[in-house]
Amino acid sequence: QVQLVESGGGLVQAGGSLRLSCAASTRTFSTYAMGWFRQAPGKEREFVAAIRWSGSSSYYADSVKGRFTISRDNAKNTGYLQMNALKPEDTAVYYCNLRPVVGPDYWGQGTQVTVSS
């Protein structure tokens, strides 16, 4: 069973930055695609960004493109989400996700990001 622990969330003013981390309890971290999702109050969970197992390709929701950067360090079994130019509408609980080739996804417990105007 893979466990994911997110950290780095908090309260920040609009225009500020935060860096989220996702630590995975598996030595096979490098074999999984990784993603970040978020869920705002009263809304469904939505895709934010994803990165291939090798880090060679990344994908972003239109709403965060150009402001957020996803990355990973397979040697440390850790993924990251650098968030710049934050907006109040980025306020949400952010979840880390690992996607194996076969089987269900793994999810972290989430970390709260609050952006004040």
Protein backbone atom coordinates (compact mmCIF):
# COMPACT_ATOMS: atom_id res chain seq x y z
CA GLN A 1 0.00 0.00 0.00
CA VAL A 2 1.47 3.33 -1.10
CA GLN A 3 1.06 6.29 1.22
CA LEU A 4 1.30 9.88 0.01
CA VAL A 5 1.88 12.84 2.31
CA GLU A 6 1.38 16.35 1.01
CA SER A 7 2.87 19.42 2.65
CA GLY A 8 3.51 23.07 1.90
CA GLY A 9 -0.01 24.42 1.91
CA GLY A 10 -1.00 27.54 3.79
CA LEU A 11 -2.37 31.05 3.62
CA VAL A 12 -0.92 33.45 1.08
CA GLN A 13 -1.91 36.77 -0.43
CA ALA A 14 -2.94 37.05 -4.03
CA GLY A 15 0.12 37.21 -6.26
CA GLY A 16 2.17 35.15 -3.85
CA SER A 17 3.75 31.74 -4.22
CA LEU A 18 3.66 28.36 -2.53
CA ARG A 19 5.45 25.09 -3.18
CA LEU A 20 3.62 21.87 -2.43
CA SER A 21 5.45 18.61 -1.84
CA CYS A 22 4.21 15.04 -2.07
CA ALA A 23 6.30 12.37 -0.37
CA ALA A 24 5.60 8.78 -1.40
CA SER A 25 6.27 5.71 0.73
CA THR A 26 7.37 3.52 -2.14
CA ARG A 27 10.67 2.69 -3.79
CA THR A 28 8.83 2.28 -7.08
CA PHE A 29 7.78 5.95 -7.18
CA SER A 30 9.62 6.37 -10.48
CA THR A 31 7.27 3.91 -12.18
CA TYR A 32 4.15 5.99 -11.54
CA ALA A 33 2.72 8.96 -13.33
CA MET A 34 2.03 11.69 -10.81
CA GLY A 35 -0.57 14.39 -10.67
CA TRP A 36 -2.08 17.14 -8.59
CA PHE A 37 -5.78 17.74 -8.21
CA ARG A 38 -7.75 20.25 -6.16
CA GLN A 39 -11.19 20.58 -4.66
CA ALA A 40 -12.77 23.87 -3.66
CA PRO A 41 -15.72 24.02 -1.25
CA GLY A 42 -18.93 22.96 -2.96
CA LYS A 43 -17.13 21.92 -6.14
CA GLU A 44 -15.95 18.67 -7.64
CA ARG A 45 -12.32 17.63 -7.57
CA GLU A 46 -10.53 18.91 -10.65
CA PHE A 47 -7.29 18.19 -12.46
CA VAL A 48 -4.45 20.66 -11.98
CA ALA A 49 -1.27 19.13 -13.40
CA ALA A 50 0.39 15.81 -14.21
CA ILE A 51 3.85 14.55 -15.07
CA ARG A 52 5.08 11.33 -16.63
CA TRP A 53 7.12 8.84 -14.63
CA SER A 54 10.32 10.07 -16.26
CA GLY A 55 9.50 13.74 -15.90
CA SER A 56 9.85 14.13 -19.66
CA SER A 57 6.36 15.50 -20.20
CA SER A 58 3.94 17.52 -18.11
CA TYR A 59 0.36 18.66 -18.53
CA TYR A 60 -1.65 21.48 -17.04
CA ALA A 61 -5.19 22.68 -16.68
CA ASP A 62 -5.77 25.85 -18.65
CA SER A 63 -6.56 27.72 -15.45
CA VAL A 64 -3.02 27.23 -14.07
CA LYS A 65 -0.94 27.09 -17.23
CA GLY A 66 1.96 29.52 -17.07
CA ARG A 67 1.63 29.95 -13.29
CA PHE A 68 2.10 26.44 -11.87
CA THR A 69 4.97 24.02 -12.49
CA ILE A 70 4.91 20.33 -11.66
CA SER A 71 8.14 18.44 -11.10
CA ARG A 72 9.47 15.31 -9.44
CA ASP A 73 12.63 13.95 -7.89
CA ASN A 74 12.53 10.18 -8.32
CA ALA A 75 15.65 9.74 -6.19
CA LYS A 76 13.75 11.27 -3.26
CA ASN A 77 10.36 9.67 -4.07
CA THR A 78 8.89 13.16 -3.99
CA GLY A 79 6.82 15.30 -6.30
CA TYR A 80 6.29 19.04 -6.27
CA LEU A 81 3.90 21.71 -7.41
CA GLN A 82 5.34 25.22 -7.61
CA MET A 83 2.49 27.72 -7.61
CA ASN A 84 3.18 31.33 -8.57
CA ALA A 85 0.94 34.34 -9.13
CA LEU A 86 -1.71 32.76 -6.95
CA LYS A 87 -5.29 33.95 -7.24
CA PRO A 88 -8.20 33.71 -4.78
CA GLU A 89 -9.83 31.19 -7.12
CA ASP A 90 -6.88 28.86 -6.51
CA THR A 91 -8.14 28.36 -2.97
CA ALA A 92 -8.79 24.65 -2.46
CA VAL A 93 -7.56 21.46 -0.89
CA TYR A 94 -4.78 20.12 -3.09
CA TYR A 95 -4.32 16.37 -3.49
CA CYS A 96 -1.37 14.40 -4.77
CA ASN A 97 -2.11 11.43 -7.01
CA LEU A 98 -0.04 8.49 -8.23
CA ARG A 99 -1.30 6.51 -11.19
CA PRO A 100 0.05 3.00 -11.77
CA VAL A 101 -0.06 1.28 -15.14
CA VAL A 102 -2.49 -1.24 -13.70
CA GLY A 103 -4.74 -0.87 -10.68
CA PRO A 104 -6.35 1.97 -8.76
CA ASP A 105 -4.82 5.37 -8.19
CA TYR A 106 -3.27 6.38 -4.89
CA TRP A 107 -4.27 9.64 -3.17
CA GLY A 108 -2.86 11.75 -0.40
CA GLN A 109 -4.87 13.28 2.41
CA GLY A 110 -4.69 16.76 0.91
CA THR A 111 -3.23 20.10 1.94
CA GLN A 112 -5.17 23.33 2.23
CA VAL A 113 -4.21 26.32 0.10
CA THR A 114 -5.95 29.61 0.86
CA VAL A 115 -5.33 32.71 -1.23
CA SER A 116 -6.58 35.99 0.19
CA SER A 117 -7.48 38.95 -1.98
